[in-house]
Amino acid sequence: QTSTAQPFFSLSLLLTWGSHEIASADNILRLFDALIAAPPIHVLYFSAAIIESKKEKLMQLDCCFPEVHKALSYTPEKFKPVVLDTLIKRSFVLAQSHPPDQLLKIAEE
């Protein structure tokens, strides 16, 4: 199915690196450490890890902007320490298995 959702839900994540949804300073610093240590594009892999973690829920939604936007933009559970670490680790796995040059080739097809 094709959603009418625009990528606006991800703007705040990309601009603030998720810190707007993290209550703990330690967790903010953990995420910032991971993103600063990685190439600038890594925030996209982190975003992909979040989306991937919600795949089952997203596939059950009606394909309409409000539902998809809500599911992707309001996710406080993703920033609990254990979940945050899992997402960070997954983002590095995604970056290694799908390097930026490979993504560029796919986008050009």
PDB file of N, CA and C in Angstrom:
ATOM      1  N   GLN A   1       0.833  -1.188   0.000  1.00  0.00           N
ATOM      2  CA  GLN A   1       0.000   0.000   0.000  1.00  0.00           C
ATOM      3  C   GLN A   1       0.872   1.243   0.000  1.00  0.00           C
ATOM      4  N   THR A   2       0.327   2.306  -0.503  1.00  0.00           N
ATOM      5  CA  THR A   2       1.038   3.567  -0.519  1.00  0.00           C
ATOM      6  C   THR A   2       0.404   4.520   0.479  1.00  0.00           C
ATOM      7  N   SER A   3       1.217   5.067   1.340  1.00  0.00           N
ATOM      8  CA  SER A   3       0.724   6.018   2.330  1.00  0.00           C
ATOM      9  C   SER A   3       0.787   7.434   1.771  1.00  0.00           C
ATOM     10  N   THR A   4      -0.111   8.244   2.240  1.00  0.00           N
ATOM     11  CA  THR A   4      -0.076   9.662   1.869  1.00  0.00           C
ATOM     12  C   THR A   4       0.795  10.450   2.840  1.00  0.00           C
ATOM     13  N   ALA A   5       1.416   9.759   3.795  1.00  0.00           N
ATOM     14  CA  ALA A   5       2.251  10.434   4.796  1.00  0.00           C
ATOM     15  C   ALA A   5       3.486  11.035   4.150  1.00  0.00           C
ATOM     16  N   GLN A   6       3.712  12.273   4.451  1.00  0.00           N
ATOM     17  CA  GLN A   6       4.916  12.962   3.994  1.00  0.00           C
ATOM     18  C   GLN A   6       6.021  12.748   5.031  1.00  0.00           C
ATOM     19  N   PRO A   7       7.258  12.982   4.682  1.00  0.00           N
ATOM     20  CA  PRO A   7       8.351  12.710   5.622  1.00  0.00           C
ATOM     21  C   PRO A   7       8.504  13.755   6.730  1.00  0.00           C
ATOM     22  N   PHE A   8       7.505  14.599   6.938  1.00  0.00           N
ATOM     23  CA  PHE A   8       7.606  15.649   7.949  1.00  0.00           C
ATOM     24  C   PHE A   8       7.791  15.104   9.358  1.00  0.00           C
ATOM     25  N   PHE A   9       7.276  13.907   9.618  1.00  0.00           N
ATOM     26  CA  PHE A   9       7.391  13.334  10.950  1.00  0.00           C
ATOM     27  C   PHE A   9       8.850  13.201  11.367  1.00  0.00           C
ATOM     28  N   SER A  10       9.730  13.048  10.415  1.00  0.00           N
ATOM     29  CA  SER A  10      11.129  12.803  10.745  1.00  0.00           C
ATOM     30  C   SER A  10      11.962  14.073  10.886  1.00  0.00           C
ATOM     31  N   LEU A  11      11.415  15.204  10.546  1.00  0.00           N
ATOM     32  CA  LEU A  11      12.199  16.440  10.623  1.00  0.00           C
ATOM     33  C   LEU A  11      12.725  16.718  12.028  1.00  0.00           C
ATOM     34  N   SER A  12      11.870  16.589  13.031  1.00  0.00           N
ATOM     35  CA  SER A  12      12.325  16.886  14.390  1.00  0.00           C
ATOM     36  C   SER A  12      13.421  15.919  14.821  1.00  0.00           C
ATOM     37  N   LEU A  13      13.305  14.661  14.424  1.00  0.00           N
ATOM     38  CA  LEU A  13      14.358  13.693  14.759  1.00  0.00           C
ATOM     39  C   LEU A  13      15.673  14.076  14.103  1.00  0.00           C
ATOM     40  N   LEU A  14      15.615  14.450  12.845  1.00  0.00           N
ATOM     41  CA  LEU A  14      16.841  14.814  12.128  1.00  0.00           C
ATOM     42  C   LEU A  14      17.457  16.098  12.674  1.00  0.00           C
ATOM     43  N   LEU A  15      16.626  17.052  13.057  1.00  0.00           N
ATOM     44  CA  LEU A  15      17.141  18.337  13.539  1.00  0.00           C
ATOM     45  C   LEU A  15      17.659  18.282  14.975  1.00  0.00           C
ATOM     46  N   THR A  16      17.025  17.467  15.803  1.00  0.00           N
ATOM     47  CA  THR A  16      17.405  17.429  17.222  1.00  0.00           C
ATOM     48  C   THR A  16      18.082  16.125  17.627  1.00  0.00           C
ATOM     49  N   TRP A  17      18.261  15.236  16.670  1.00  0.00           N
ATOM     50  CA  TRP A  17      18.836  13.915  16.918  1.00  0.00           C
ATOM     51  C   TRP A  17      18.057  13.160  17.992  1.00  0.00           C
ATOM     52  N   GLY A  18      16.765  13.409  18.055  1.00  0.00           N
ATOM     53  CA  GLY A  18      15.911  12.692  18.993  1.00  0.00           C
ATOM     54  C   GLY A  18      15.892  13.237  20.397  1.00  0.00           C
ATOM     55  N   SER A  19      16.703  14.233  20.694  1.00  0.00           N
ATOM     56  CA  SER A  19      16.799  14.733  22.070  1.00  0.00           C
ATOM     57  C   SER A  19      15.507  15.368  22.563  1.00  0.00           C
ATOM     58  N   HIS A  20      14.644  15.786  21.659  1.00  0.00           N
ATOM     59  CA  HIS A  20      13.371  16.389  22.070  1.00  0.00           C
ATOM     60  C   HIS A  20      12.425  15.373  22.703  1.00  0.00           C
ATOM     61  N   GLU A  21      12.697  14.096  22.540  1.00  0.00           N
ATOM     62  CA  GLU A  21      11.834  13.055  23.108  1.00  0.00           C
ATOM     63  C   GLU A  21      12.518  12.255  24.203  1.00  0.00           C
ATOM     64  N   ILE A  22      13.723  12.629  24.578  1.00  0.00           N
ATOM     65  CA  ILE A  22      14.465  11.890  25.598  1.00  0.00           C
ATOM     66  C   ILE A  22      14.476  12.705  26.890  1.00  0.00           C
ATOM     67  N   ALA A  23      14.001  12.102  27.969  1.00  0.00           N
ATOM     68  CA  ALA A  23      13.917  12.814  29.244  1.00  0.00           C
ATOM     69  C   ALA A  23      15.248  12.817  30.002  1.00  0.00           C
ATOM     70  N   SER A  24      16.020  11.783  29.852  1.00  0.00           N
ATOM     71  CA  SER A  24      17.255  11.617  30.616  1.00  0.00           C
ATOM     72  C   SER A  24      18.459  12.224  29.892  1.00  0.00           C
ATOM     73  N   ALA A  25      19.199  13.057  30.606  1.00  0.00           N
ATOM     74  CA  ALA A  25      20.411  13.652  30.031  1.00  0.00           C
ATOM     75  C   ALA A  25      21.425  12.564  29.672  1.00  0.00           C
ATOM     76  N   ASP A  26      21.517  11.523  30.491  1.00  0.00           N
ATOM     77  CA  ASP A  26      22.443  10.421  30.196  1.00  0.00           C
ATOM     78  C   ASP A  26      22.100   9.755  28.864  1.00  0.00           C
ATOM     79  N   ASN A  27      20.805   9.586  28.600  1.00  0.00           N
ATOM     80  CA  ASN A  27      20.392   8.961  27.339  1.00  0.00           C
ATOM     81  C   ASN A  27      20.630   9.889  26.148  1.00  0.00           C
ATOM     82  N   ILE A  28      20.413  11.175  26.355  1.00  0.00           N
ATOM     83  CA  ILE A  28      20.713  12.145  25.292  1.00  0.00           C
ATOM     84  C   ILE A  28      22.189  12.073  24.947  1.00  0.00           C
ATOM     85  N   LEU A  29      23.034  12.068  25.975  1.00  0.00           N
ATOM     86  CA  LEU A  29      24.478  12.009  25.743  1.00  0.00           C
ATOM     87  C   LEU A  29      24.888  10.699  25.081  1.00  0.00           C
ATOM     88  N   ARG A  30      24.252   9.597  25.464  1.00  0.00           N
ATOM     89  CA  ARG A  30      24.553   8.297  24.847  1.00  0.00           C
ATOM     90  C   ARG A  30      24.253   8.344  23.352  1.00  0.00           C
ATOM     91  N   LEU A  31      23.084   8.878  22.999  1.00  0.00           N
ATOM     92  CA  LEU A  31      22.723   8.975  21.592  1.00  0.00           C
ATOM     93  C   LEU A  31      23.653   9.929  20.848  1.00  0.00           C
ATOM     94  N   PHE A  32      23.929  11.088  21.447  1.00  0.00           N
ATOM     95  CA  PHE A  32      24.819  12.057  20.807  1.00  0.00           C
ATOM     96  C   PHE A  32      26.217  11.470  20.607  1.00  0.00           C
ATOM     97  N   ASP A  33      26.718  10.733  21.598  1.00  0.00           N
ATOM     98  CA  ASP A  33      28.035  10.095  21.451  1.00  0.00           C
ATOM     99  C   ASP A  33      28.043   9.168  20.232  1.00  0.00           C
ATOM    100  N   ALA A  34      26.993   8.378  20.106  1.00  0.00           N
ATOM    101  CA  ALA A  34      26.924   7.431  18.983  1.00  0.00           C
ATOM    102  C   ALA A  34      26.858   8.164  17.650  1.00  0.00           C
ATOM    103  N   LEU A  35      26.046   9.215  17.580  1.00  0.00           N
ATOM    104  CA  LEU A  35      25.878   9.930  16.316  1.00  0.00           C
ATOM    105  C   LEU A  35      27.097  10.787  15.965  1.00  0.00           C
ATOM    106  N   ILE A  36      27.747  11.348  16.958  1.00  0.00           N
ATOM    107  CA  ILE A  36      28.948  12.155  16.697  1.00  0.00           C
ATOM    108  C   ILE A  36      30.110  11.264  16.254  1.00  0.00           C
ATOM    109  N   ALA A  37      30.165  10.050  16.799  1.00  0.00           N
ATOM    110  CA  ALA A  37      31.252   9.127  16.452  1.00  0.00           C
ATOM    111  C   ALA A  37      31.096   8.540  15.050  1.00  0.00           C
ATOM    112  N   ALA A  38      29.923   8.684  14.488  1.00  0.00           N
ATOM    113  CA  ALA A  38      29.628   8.106  13.170  1.00  0.00           C
ATOM    114  C   ALA A  38      29.634   9.207  12.106  1.00  0.00           C
ATOM    115  N   PRO A  39      29.638   8.831  10.843  1.00  0.00           N
ATOM    116  CA  PRO A  39      29.534   9.827   9.773  1.00  0.00           C
ATOM    117  C   PRO A  39      28.213  10.597   9.879  1.00  0.00           C
ATOM    118  N   PRO A  40      28.155  11.801   9.335  1.00  0.00           N
ATOM    119  CA  PRO A  40      26.938  12.626   9.444  1.00  0.00           C
ATOM    120  C   PRO A  40      25.665  11.940   8.952  1.00  0.00           C
ATOM    121  N   ILE A  41      25.783  11.065   7.995  1.00  0.00           N
ATOM    122  CA  ILE A  41      24.605  10.384   7.454  1.00  0.00           C
ATOM    123  C   ILE A  41      24.007   9.378   8.439  1.00  0.00           C
ATOM    124  N   HIS A  42      24.717   9.087   9.511  1.00  0.00           N
ATOM    125  CA  HIS A  42      24.281   8.023  10.426  1.00  0.00           C
ATOM    126  C   HIS A  42      22.929   8.292  11.069  1.00  0.00           C
ATOM    127  N   VAL A  43      22.549   9.534  11.222  1.00  0.00           N
ATOM    128  CA  VAL A  43      21.227   9.833  11.800  1.00  0.00           C
ATOM    129  C   VAL A  43      20.117   9.227  10.940  1.00  0.00           C
ATOM    130  N   LEU A  44      20.359   9.089   9.647  1.00  0.00           N
ATOM    131  CA  LEU A  44      19.369   8.433   8.783  1.00  0.00           C
ATOM    132  C   LEU A  44      19.269   6.936   9.095  1.00  0.00           C
ATOM    133  N   TYR A  45      20.395   6.314   9.397  1.00  0.00           N
ATOM    134  CA  TYR A  45      20.365   4.903   9.777  1.00  0.00           C
ATOM    135  C   TYR A  45      19.649   4.730  11.116  1.00  0.00           C
ATOM    136  N   PHE A  46      19.856   5.678  12.039  1.00  0.00           N
ATOM    137  CA  PHE A  46      19.148   5.628  13.315  1.00  0.00           C
ATOM    138  C   PHE A  46      17.645   5.762  13.085  1.00  0.00           C
ATOM    139  N   SER A  47      17.264   6.670  12.205  1.00  0.00           N
ATOM    140  CA  SER A  47      15.845   6.834  11.862  1.00  0.00           C
ATOM    141  C   SER A  47      15.286   5.542  11.257  1.00  0.00           C
ATOM    142  N   ALA A  48      16.064   4.922  10.385  1.00  0.00           N
ATOM    143  CA  ALA A  48      15.633   3.659   9.768  1.00  0.00           C
ATOM    144  C   ALA A  48      15.469   2.570  10.827  1.00  0.00           C
ATOM    145  N   ALA A  49      16.340   2.549  11.829  1.00  0.00           N
ATOM    146  CA  ALA A  49      16.225   1.560  12.900  1.00  0.00           C
ATOM    147  C   ALA A  49      14.928   1.763  13.683  1.00  0.00           C
ATOM    148  N   ILE A  50      14.552   3.016  13.903  1.00  0.00           N
ATOM    149  CA  ILE A  50      13.291   3.298  14.596  1.00  0.00           C
ATOM    150  C   ILE A  50      12.114   2.799  13.757  1.00  0.00           C
ATOM    151  N   ILE A  51      12.123   3.144  12.477  1.00  0.00           N
ATOM    152  CA  ILE A  51      11.026   2.726  11.593  1.00  0.00           C
ATOM    153  C   ILE A  51      10.959   1.202  11.521  1.00  0.00           C
ATOM    154  N   GLU A  52      12.120   0.581  11.375  1.00  0.00           N
ATOM    155  CA  GLU A  52      12.171  -0.884  11.300  1.00  0.00           C
ATOM    156  C   GLU A  52      11.615  -1.516  12.580  1.00  0.00           C
ATOM    157  N   SER A  53      11.895  -0.909  13.738  1.00  0.00           N
ATOM    158  CA  SER A  53      11.405  -1.459  15.004  1.00  0.00           C
ATOM    159  C   SER A  53       9.890  -1.359  15.123  1.00  0.00           C
ATOM    160  N   LYS A  54       9.279  -0.496  14.341  1.00  0.00           N
ATOM    161  CA  LYS A  54       7.831  -0.307  14.371  1.00  0.00           C
ATOM    162  C   LYS A  54       7.133  -0.924  13.152  1.00  0.00           C
ATOM    163  N   LYS A  55       7.858  -1.704  12.383  1.00  0.00           N
ATOM    164  CA  LYS A  55       7.324  -2.245  11.129  1.00  0.00           C
ATOM    165  C   LYS A  55       6.007  -3.001  11.327  1.00  0.00           C
ATOM    166  N   GLU A  56       5.963  -3.878  12.303  1.00  0.00           N
ATOM    167  CA  GLU A  56       4.755  -4.682  12.521  1.00  0.00           C
ATOM    168  C   GLU A  56       3.553  -3.783  12.806  1.00  0.00           C
ATOM    169  N   LYS A  57       3.728  -2.811  13.663  1.00  0.00           N
ATOM    170  CA  LYS A  57       2.642  -1.886  13.991  1.00  0.00           C
ATOM    171  C   LYS A  57       2.249  -1.062  12.764  1.00  0.00           C
ATOM    172  N   LEU A  58       3.232  -0.584  12.021  1.00  0.00           N
ATOM    173  CA  LEU A  58       2.954   0.232  10.837  1.00  0.00           C
ATOM    174  C   LEU A  58       2.179  -0.544   9.775  1.00  0.00           C
ATOM    175  N   MET A  59       2.499  -1.811   9.611  1.00  0.00           N
ATOM    176  CA  MET A  59       1.837  -2.618   8.595  1.00  0.00           C
ATOM    177  C   MET A  59       0.370  -2.888   8.942  1.00  0.00           C
ATOM    178  N   GLN A  60       0.008  -2.729  10.205  1.00  0.00           N
ATOM    179  CA  GLN A  60      -1.375  -2.963  10.625  1.00  0.00           C
ATOM    180  C   GLN A  60      -2.235  -1.697  10.515  1.00  0.00           C
ATOM    181  N   LEU A  61      -1.622  -0.555  10.311  1.00  0.00           N
ATOM    182  CA  LEU A  61      -2.357   0.706  10.260  1.00  0.00           C
ATOM    183  C   LEU A  61      -3.085   0.893   8.937  1.00  0.00           C
ATOM    184  N   ASP A  62      -4.157   1.685   9.000  1.00  0.00           N
ATOM    185  CA  ASP A  62      -4.757   2.159   7.754  1.00  0.00           C
ATOM    186  C   ASP A  62      -3.721   3.062   7.107  1.00  0.00           C
ATOM    187  N   CYS A  63      -3.688   3.038   5.832  1.00  0.00           N
ATOM    188  CA  CYS A  63      -2.654   3.775   5.107  1.00  0.00           C
ATOM    189  C   CYS A  63      -3.079   5.236   4.924  1.00  0.00           C
ATOM    190  N   CYS A  64      -3.169   5.957   6.027  1.00  0.00           N
ATOM    191  CA  CYS A  64      -3.548   7.366   5.950  1.00  0.00           C
ATOM    192  C   CYS A  64      -2.574   8.191   6.778  1.00  0.00           C
ATOM    193  N   PHE A  65      -2.397   9.411   6.352  1.00  0.00           N
ATOM    194  CA  PHE A  65      -1.387  10.277   6.946  1.00  0.00           C
ATOM    195  C   PHE A  65      -1.491  10.397   8.470  1.00  0.00           C
ATOM    196  N   PRO A  66      -2.654  10.701   9.052  1.00  0.00           N
ATOM    197  CA  PRO A  66      -2.704  10.904  10.507  1.00  0.00           C
ATOM    198  C   PRO A  66      -2.233   9.689  11.303  1.00  0.00           C
ATOM    199  N   GLU A  67      -2.654   8.505  10.896  1.00  0.00           N
ATOM    200  CA  GLU A  67      -2.261   7.308  11.649  1.00  0.00           C
ATOM    201  C   GLU A  67      -0.775   7.006  11.513  1.00  0.00           C
ATOM    202  N   VAL A  68      -0.264   7.099  10.299  1.00  0.00           N
ATOM    203  CA  VAL A  68       1.155   6.825  10.066  1.00  0.00           C
ATOM    204  C   VAL A  68       2.011   7.875  10.773  1.00  0.00           C
ATOM    205  N   HIS A  69       1.628   9.123  10.669  1.00  0.00           N
ATOM    206  CA  HIS A  69       2.371  10.203  11.317  1.00  0.00           C
ATOM    207  C   HIS A  69       2.409  10.009  12.827  1.00  0.00           C
ATOM    208  N   LYS A  70       1.272   9.691  13.427  1.00  0.00           N
ATOM    209  CA  LYS A  70       1.218   9.488  14.879  1.00  0.00           C
ATOM    210  C   LYS A  70       2.104   8.319  15.298  1.00  0.00           C
ATOM    211  N   ALA A  71       2.036   7.241  14.560  1.00  0.00           N
ATOM    212  CA  ALA A  71       2.830   6.057  14.904  1.00  0.00           C
ATOM    213  C   ALA A  71       4.324   6.323  14.821  1.00  0.00           C
ATOM    214  N   LEU A  72       4.723   7.171  13.890  1.00  0.00           N
ATOM    215  CA  LEU A  72       6.154   7.422  13.706  1.00  0.00           C
ATOM    216  C   LEU A  72       6.683   8.602  14.526  1.00  0.00           C
ATOM    217  N   SER A  73       5.830   9.554  14.850  1.00  0.00           N
ATOM    218  CA  SER A  73       6.347  10.741  15.519  1.00  0.00           C
ATOM    219  C   SER A  73       6.229  10.695  17.035  1.00  0.00           C
ATOM    220  N   TYR A  74       5.300   9.982  17.579  1.00  0.00           N
ATOM    221  CA  TYR A  74       5.156   9.925  19.027  1.00  0.00           C
ATOM    222  C   TYR A  74       5.499   8.532  19.513  1.00  0.00           C
ATOM    223  N   THR A  75       6.732   8.356  19.897  1.00  0.00           N
ATOM    224  CA  THR A  75       7.179   7.030  20.318  1.00  0.00           C
ATOM    225  C   THR A  75       8.109   7.137  21.528  1.00  0.00           C
ATOM    226  N   PRO A  76       7.580   7.530  22.682  1.00  0.00           N
ATOM    227  CA  PRO A  76       8.461   7.697  23.845  1.00  0.00           C
ATOM    228  C   PRO A  76       9.133   6.406  24.288  1.00  0.00           C
ATOM    229  N   GLU A  77       8.519   5.247  24.027  1.00  0.00           N
ATOM    230  CA  GLU A  77       9.123   3.989  24.466  1.00  0.00           C
ATOM    231  C   GLU A  77      10.437   3.714  23.762  1.00  0.00           C
ATOM    232  N   LYS A  78      10.671   4.334  22.605  1.00  0.00           N
ATOM    233  CA  LYS A  78      11.898   4.051  21.867  1.00  0.00           C
ATOM    234  C   LYS A  78      13.136   4.589  22.573  1.00  0.00           C
ATOM    235  N   PHE A  79      12.937   5.466  23.537  1.00  0.00           N
ATOM    236  CA  PHE A  79      14.095   6.066  24.182  1.00  0.00           C
ATOM    237  C   PHE A  79      14.311   5.610  25.619  1.00  0.00           C
ATOM    238  N   LYS A  80      13.736   4.485  25.989  1.00  0.00           N
ATOM    239  CA  LYS A  80      14.120   3.863  27.251  1.00  0.00           C
ATOM    240  C   LYS A  80      15.544   3.360  27.049  1.00  0.00           C
ATOM    241  N   PRO A  81      16.374   3.352  28.091  1.00  0.00           N
ATOM    242  CA  PRO A  81      17.799   3.017  27.909  1.00  0.00           C
ATOM    243  C   PRO A  81      18.075   1.726  27.140  1.00  0.00           C
ATOM    244  N   VAL A  82      17.400   0.633  27.472  1.00  0.00           N
ATOM    245  CA  VAL A  82      17.672  -0.638  26.790  1.00  0.00           C
ATOM    246  C   VAL A  82      17.232  -0.556  25.334  1.00  0.00           C
ATOM    247  N   VAL A  83      16.080   0.026  25.085  1.00  0.00           N
ATOM    248  CA  VAL A  83      15.585   0.154  23.718  1.00  0.00           C
ATOM    249  C   VAL A  83      16.489   1.092  22.925  1.00  0.00           C
ATOM    250  N   LEU A  84      16.916   2.183  23.530  1.00  0.00           N
ATOM    251  CA  LEU A  84      17.815   3.126  22.865  1.00  0.00           C
ATOM    252  C   LEU A  84      19.102   2.434  22.449  1.00  0.00           C
ATOM    253  N   ASP A  85      19.684   1.665  23.339  1.00  0.00           N
ATOM    254  CA  ASP A  85      20.917   0.945  22.997  1.00  0.00           C
ATOM    255  C   ASP A  85      20.693  -0.036  21.850  1.00  0.00           C
ATOM    256  N   THR A  86      19.568  -0.726  21.869  1.00  0.00           N
ATOM    257  CA  THR A  86      19.237  -1.660  20.795  1.00  0.00           C
ATOM    258  C   THR A  86      19.122  -0.927  19.467  1.00  0.00           C
ATOM    259  N   LEU A  87      18.463   0.236  19.464  1.00  0.00           N
ATOM    260  CA  LEU A  87      18.308   1.014  18.231  1.00  0.00           C
ATOM    261  C   LEU A  87      19.655   1.540  17.734  1.00  0.00           C
ATOM    262  N   ILE A  88      20.494   1.976  18.647  1.00  0.00           N
ATOM    263  CA  ILE A  88      21.817   2.469  18.257  1.00  0.00           C
ATOM    264  C   ILE A  88      22.624   1.332  17.614  1.00  0.00           C
ATOM    265  N   LYS A  89      22.620   0.177  18.261  1.00  0.00           N
ATOM    266  CA  LYS A  89      23.350  -0.969  17.711  1.00  0.00           C
ATOM    267  C   LYS A  89      22.799  -1.359  16.342  1.00  0.00           C
ATOM    268  N   ARG A  90      21.483  -1.371  16.224  1.00  0.00           N
ATOM    269  CA  ARG A  90      20.864  -1.725  14.946  1.00  0.00           C
ATOM    270  C   ARG A  90      21.237  -0.725  13.859  1.00  0.00           C
ATOM    271  N   SER A  91      21.326   0.555  14.219  1.00  0.00           N
ATOM    272  CA  SER A  91      21.681   1.570  13.222  1.00  0.00           C
ATOM    273  C   SER A  91      23.085   1.319  12.668  1.00  0.00           C
ATOM    274  N   PHE A  92      23.990   0.851  13.504  1.00  0.00           N
ATOM    275  CA  PHE A  92      25.344   0.543  13.019  1.00  0.00           C
ATOM    276  C   PHE A  92      25.347  -0.713  12.141  1.00  0.00           C
ATOM    277  N   VAL A  93      24.500  -1.682  12.467  1.00  0.00           N
ATOM    278  CA  VAL A  93      24.374  -2.869  11.617  1.00  0.00           C
ATOM    279  C   VAL A  93      23.827  -2.467  10.246  1.00  0.00           C
ATOM    280  N   LEU A  94      22.801  -1.610  10.247  1.00  0.00           N
ATOM    281  CA  LEU A  94      22.237  -1.130   8.977  1.00  0.00           C
ATOM    282  C   LEU A  94      23.283  -0.373   8.162  1.00  0.00           C
ATOM    283  N   ALA A  95      24.065   0.461   8.821  1.00  0.00           N
ATOM    284  CA  ALA A  95      25.094   1.237   8.116  1.00  0.00           C
ATOM    285  C   ALA A  95      26.150   0.323   7.502  1.00  0.00           C
ATOM    286  N   GLN A  96      26.481  -0.740   8.211  1.00  0.00           N
ATOM    287  CA  GLN A  96      27.489  -1.662   7.690  1.00  0.00           C
ATOM    288  C   GLN A  96      26.927  -2.513   6.552  1.00  0.00           C
ATOM    289  N   SER A  97      25.680  -2.951   6.681  1.00  0.00           N
ATOM    290  CA  SER A  97      25.111  -3.816   5.650  1.00  0.00           C
ATOM    291  C   SER A  97      24.597  -3.049   4.431  1.00  0.00           C
ATOM    292  N   HIS A  98      24.332  -1.758   4.593  1.00  0.00           N
ATOM    293  CA  HIS A  98      23.849  -0.915   3.495  1.00  0.00           C
ATOM    294  C   HIS A  98      24.615   0.409   3.497  1.00  0.00           C
ATOM    295  N   PRO A  99      25.889   0.394   3.097  1.00  0.00           N
ATOM    296  CA  PRO A  99      26.688   1.619   3.132  1.00  0.00           C
ATOM    297  C   PRO A  99      26.109   2.705   2.217  1.00  0.00           C
ATOM    298  N   PRO A 100      26.435   3.966   2.496  1.00  0.00           N
ATOM    299  CA  PRO A 100      25.875   5.080   1.725  1.00  0.00           C
ATOM    300  C   PRO A 100      26.042   4.950   0.212  1.00  0.00           C
ATOM    301  N   ASP A 101      27.184   4.473  -0.249  1.00  0.00           N
ATOM    302  CA  ASP A 101      27.372   4.351  -1.705  1.00  0.00           C
ATOM    303  C   ASP A 101      26.408   3.343  -2.314  1.00  0.00           C
ATOM    304  N   GLN A 102      26.095   2.292  -1.575  1.00  0.00           N
ATOM    305  CA  GLN A 102      25.118   1.307  -2.047  1.00  0.00           C
ATOM    306  C   GLN A 102      23.720   1.932  -2.093  1.00  0.00           C
ATOM    307  N   LEU A 103      23.369   2.728  -1.113  1.00  0.00           N
ATOM    308  CA  LEU A 103      22.069   3.396  -1.101  1.00  0.00           C
ATOM    309  C   LEU A 103      21.944   4.375  -2.268  1.00  0.00           C
ATOM    310  N   LEU A 104      23.028   5.042  -2.566  1.00  0.00           N
ATOM    311  CA  LEU A 104      23.036   5.980  -3.693  1.00  0.00           C
ATOM    312  C   LEU A 104      22.767   5.250  -5.013  1.00  0.00           C
ATOM    313  N   LYS A 105      23.389   4.093  -5.183  1.00  0.00           N
ATOM    314  CA  LYS A 105      23.174   3.308  -6.400  1.00  0.00           C
ATOM    315  C   LYS A 105      21.711   2.862  -6.515  1.00  0.00           C
ATOM    316  N   ILE A 106      21.131   2.452  -5.400  1.00  0.00           N
ATOM    317  CA  ILE A 106      19.728   2.033  -5.394  1.00  0.00           C
ATOM    318  C   ILE A 106      18.833   3.205  -5.731  1.00  0.00           C
ATOM    319  N   ALA A 107      19.131   4.371  -5.181  1.00  0.00           N
ATOM    320  CA  ALA A 107      18.322   5.565  -5.426  1.00  0.00           C
ATOM    321  C   ALA A 107      18.390   5.998  -6.890  1.00  0.00           C
ATOM    322  N   GLU A 108      19.505   5.750  -7.531  1.00  0.00           N
ATOM    323  CA  GLU A 108      19.681   6.151  -8.923  1.00  0.00           C
ATOM    324  C   GLU A 108      18.994   5.204  -9.895  1.00  0.00           C
ATOM    325  N   GLU A 109      18.622   4.015  -9.445  1.00  0.00           N
ATOM    326  CA  GLU A 109      17.976   3.028 -10.334  1.00  0.00           C
ATOM    327  C   GLU A 109      16.563   3.427 -10.671  1.00  0.00           C
TER     328      GLU A 109
END
